[in-house]
Structure formats: structure tokens, C-alpha cells
């Protein structure tokens, strides 16, 4: 009985170890996508965190529906494999930051 209990615990730990890496997903990298691919990726998900360089990332949205009610959208451009400034979608920003008098 003791051996079977140890075997069951070891099997459970092994199963958890094999599942956990699959649960962690890496964020998409815009530098490995064309501009069209990056835009299609964002449109298909509505919102996504996209990496734009080593240790550089942001959350992009396809439209206002994916922002909190207290935020609006600002157009966003990112570097992709084939384009220096790809108009991927938008970022969410606090509404007060959208007022023209606040843009310096």
C-alpha cells in the first residue's frame, strides 16, 4: 500500500509538471509578424498584449469595446517584421488624456 501511494504521488507530480509549462503562454512578438498578420491577430482577439522588442510590450485593442469604461482609445503603431510603423489598432488611455489641451 505504501509503495502504491508513493507511486500515485509521484505520478501526480509528474503530471502537474508536464501540464504547467503548457499553461504559460508567451506573448506574441510583432517583430516576427508582418503588419497584416499583426493587425489580423489583434482583430481576431479584440485585445492582446503584444511584444514589440526585448522586454517591451503593451496592451493593444481593436476598438473601444475592449477598454474600461473610464478610458478611450488612442491610435497605436508598432514595428513589425516588414513595417517600421504598422497601424495595429489602439491603446486604452484615461479619458482626460484624450483632451487636446492635455497633449503636450
C-alpha atoms as a PDB file:
ATOM      1  CA  UNK A   1       0.000   0.000   0.000  1.00  0.00           C
ATOM      2  CA  UNK A   2       2.804   2.409   0.873  1.00  0.00           C
ATOM      3  CA  UNK A   3       4.547   1.821  -2.462  1.00  0.00           C
ATOM      4  CA  UNK A   4       1.363   2.396  -4.460  1.00  0.00           C
ATOM      5  CA  UNK A   5       0.657   5.637  -2.533  1.00  0.00           C
ATOM      6  CA  UNK A   6       4.181   6.903  -3.290  1.00  0.00           C
ATOM      7  CA  UNK A   7       3.789   5.913  -6.925  1.00  0.00           C
ATOM      8  CA  UNK A   8       0.469   7.787  -7.124  1.00  0.00           C
ATOM      9  CA  UNK A   9       2.002  10.918  -5.603  1.00  0.00           C
ATOM     10  CA  UNK A  10       4.989  10.732  -7.959  1.00  0.00           C
ATOM     11  CA  UNK A  11       2.688  10.256 -10.934  1.00  0.00           C
ATOM     12  CA  UNK A  12       0.587  13.247  -9.839  1.00  0.00           C
ATOM     13  CA  UNK A  13       3.643  15.457  -9.504  1.00  0.00           C
ATOM     14  CA  UNK A  14       4.878  14.309 -12.907  1.00  0.00           C
ATOM     15  CA  UNK A  15       1.507  15.085 -14.476  1.00  0.00           C
ATOM     16  CA  UNK A  16       1.423  18.571 -12.931  1.00  0.00           C
ATOM     17  CA  UNK A  17       4.955  19.289 -14.103  1.00  0.00           C
ATOM     18  CA  UNK A  18       4.050  18.328 -17.659  1.00  0.00           C
ATOM     19  CA  UNK A  19       0.890  20.491 -17.692  1.00  0.00           C
ATOM     20  CA  UNK A  20       2.254  23.673 -16.096  1.00  0.00           C
ATOM     21  CA  UNK A  21       4.604  24.709 -18.934  1.00  0.00           C
ATOM     22  CA  UNK A  22       1.717  24.378 -21.381  1.00  0.00           C
ATOM     23  CA  UNK A  23      -0.375  26.743 -19.265  1.00  0.00           C
ATOM     24  CA  UNK A  24       2.205  29.537 -19.544  1.00  0.00           C
ATOM     25  CA  UNK A  25       1.868  31.210 -22.909  1.00  0.00           C
ATOM     26  CA  UNK A  26       4.445  33.531 -24.378  1.00  0.00           C
ATOM     27  CA  UNK A  27       3.219  36.838 -25.727  1.00  0.00           C
ATOM     28  CA  UNK A  28       3.208  37.351 -29.496  1.00  0.00           C
ATOM     29  CA  UNK A  29       6.205  39.196 -30.934  1.00  0.00           C
ATOM     30  CA  UNK A  30       5.397  41.862 -33.513  1.00  0.00           C
ATOM     31  CA  UNK A  31       8.918  41.647 -34.943  1.00  0.00           C
ATOM     32  CA  UNK A  32       8.206  38.108 -36.134  1.00  0.00           C
ATOM     33  CA  UNK A  33       4.907  39.104 -37.835  1.00  0.00           C
ATOM     34  CA  UNK A  34       4.113  41.103 -40.939  1.00  0.00           C
ATOM     35  CA  UNK A  35       1.951  44.193 -40.464  1.00  0.00           C
ATOM     36  CA  UNK A  36      -1.053  42.369 -41.936  1.00  0.00           C
ATOM     37  CA  UNK A  37      -0.501  39.410 -39.592  1.00  0.00           C
ATOM     38  CA  UNK A  38      -0.269  41.674 -36.525  1.00  0.00           C
ATOM     39  CA  UNK A  39      -3.451  43.512 -37.481  1.00  0.00           C
ATOM     40  CA  UNK A  40      -5.324  40.268 -38.171  1.00  0.00           C
ATOM     41  CA  UNK A  41      -4.082  38.791 -34.882  1.00  0.00           C
ATOM     42  CA  UNK A  42      -5.420  41.747 -32.909  1.00  0.00           C
ATOM     43  CA  UNK A  43      -8.717  41.859 -34.824  1.00  0.00           C
ATOM     44  CA  UNK A  44      -9.298  38.154 -34.159  1.00  0.00           C
ATOM     45  CA  UNK A  45      -8.818  38.568 -30.390  1.00  0.00           C
ATOM     46  CA  UNK A  46     -10.109  42.077 -29.790  1.00  0.00           C
ATOM     47  CA  UNK A  47      -7.348  42.790 -27.264  1.00  0.00           C
ATOM     48  CA  UNK A  48      -3.866  41.369 -26.724  1.00  0.00           C
ATOM     49  CA  UNK A  49      -0.547  42.072 -25.073  1.00  0.00           C
ATOM     50  CA  UNK A  50       1.993  42.195 -27.907  1.00  0.00           C
ATOM     51  CA  UNK A  51       5.758  42.332 -27.538  1.00  0.00           C
ATOM     52  CA  UNK A  52       7.498  44.921 -29.704  1.00  0.00           C
ATOM     53  CA  UNK A  53      11.089  44.257 -28.671  1.00  0.00           C
ATOM     54  CA  UNK A  54      13.152  42.707 -25.897  1.00  0.00           C
ATOM     55  CA  UNK A  55      11.301  43.378 -22.626  1.00  0.00           C
ATOM     56  CA  UNK A  56       8.982  45.857 -24.394  1.00  0.00           C
ATOM     57  CA  UNK A  57       5.255  45.202 -24.635  1.00  0.00           C
ATOM     58  CA  UNK A  58       1.888  46.882 -24.379  1.00  0.00           C
ATOM     59  CA  UNK A  59      -1.788  46.027 -24.489  1.00  0.00           C
ATOM     60  CA  UNK A  60      -3.457  46.819 -27.803  1.00  0.00           C
ATOM     61  CA  UNK A  61      -7.156  46.759 -28.631  1.00  0.00           C
ATOM     62  CA  UNK A  62      -9.108  46.607 -31.864  1.00  0.00           C
ATOM     63  CA  UNK A  63     -11.698  49.143 -30.682  1.00  0.00           C
ATOM     64  CA  UNK A  64     -13.258  50.967 -27.708  1.00  0.00           C
ATOM     65  CA  UNK A  65     -15.257  47.904 -26.544  1.00  0.00           C
ATOM     66  CA  UNK A  66     -12.071  46.384 -25.117  1.00  0.00           C
ATOM     67  CA  UNK A  67     -11.215  49.353 -22.884  1.00  0.00           C
ATOM     68  CA  UNK A  68     -12.561  50.054 -19.394  1.00  0.00           C
ATOM     69  CA  UNK A  69     -15.498  52.475 -19.345  1.00  0.00           C
ATOM     70  CA  UNK A  70     -13.277  55.248 -17.927  1.00  0.00           C
ATOM     71  CA  UNK A  71     -10.837  55.008 -20.846  1.00  0.00           C
ATOM     72  CA  UNK A  72     -10.849  55.907 -24.507  1.00  0.00           C
ATOM     73  CA  UNK A  73      -8.677  54.821 -27.407  1.00  0.00           C
ATOM     74  CA  UNK A  74      -5.606  56.342 -28.960  1.00  0.00           C
ATOM     75  CA  UNK A  75      -4.240  55.056 -32.317  1.00  0.00           C
ATOM     76  CA  UNK A  76      -1.192  52.808 -31.932  1.00  0.00           C
ATOM     77  CA  UNK A  77       1.599  51.954 -34.340  1.00  0.00           C
ATOM     78  CA  UNK A  78       4.110  49.181 -33.749  1.00  0.00           C
ATOM     79  CA  UNK A  79       7.204  47.908 -35.519  1.00  0.00           C
ATOM     80  CA  UNK A  80       6.653  44.650 -37.377  1.00  0.00           C
ATOM     81  CA  UNK A  81       8.882  42.443 -39.495  1.00  0.00           C
ATOM     82  CA  UNK A  82       8.057  44.396 -42.667  1.00  0.00           C
ATOM     83  CA  UNK A  83       6.913  47.830 -41.451  1.00  0.00           C
ATOM     84  CA  UNK A  84       8.501  50.408 -39.163  1.00  0.00           C
ATOM     85  CA  UNK A  85       5.109  51.898 -38.178  1.00  0.00           C
ATOM     86  CA  UNK A  86       2.237  49.455 -38.568  1.00  0.00           C
ATOM     87  CA  UNK A  87      -1.181  50.871 -37.551  1.00  0.00           C
ATOM     88  CA  UNK A  88      -2.094  47.826 -35.465  1.00  0.00           C
ATOM     89  CA  UNK A  89      -5.094  49.271 -33.607  1.00  0.00           C
ATOM     90  CA  UNK A  90      -5.375  51.285 -30.417  1.00  0.00           C
ATOM     91  CA  UNK A  91      -4.212  51.550 -26.823  1.00  0.00           C
ATOM     92  CA  UNK A  92      -6.538  52.397 -23.958  1.00  0.00           C
ATOM     93  CA  UNK A  93      -5.839  55.689 -22.204  1.00  0.00           C
ATOM     94  CA  UNK A  94      -7.646  57.607 -19.450  1.00  0.00           C
ATOM     95  CA  UNK A  95     -10.313  59.888 -20.945  1.00  0.00           C
ATOM     96  CA  UNK A  96      -8.685  63.027 -19.523  1.00  0.00           C
ATOM     97  CA  UNK A  97      -5.534  62.197 -21.525  1.00  0.00           C
ATOM     98  CA  UNK A  98      -7.543  62.403 -24.765  1.00  0.00           C
ATOM     99  CA  UNK A  99      -8.439  66.073 -24.374  1.00  0.00           C
ATOM    100  CA  UNK A 100      -6.430  68.224 -26.820  1.00  0.00           C
ATOM    101  CA  UNK A 101      -5.325  70.637 -24.080  1.00  0.00           C
ATOM    102  CA  UNK A 102      -3.595  67.739 -22.311  1.00  0.00           C
ATOM    103  CA  UNK A 103      -1.483  66.757 -25.337  1.00  0.00           C
ATOM    104  CA  UNK A 104       1.859  68.483 -24.888  1.00  0.00           C
END
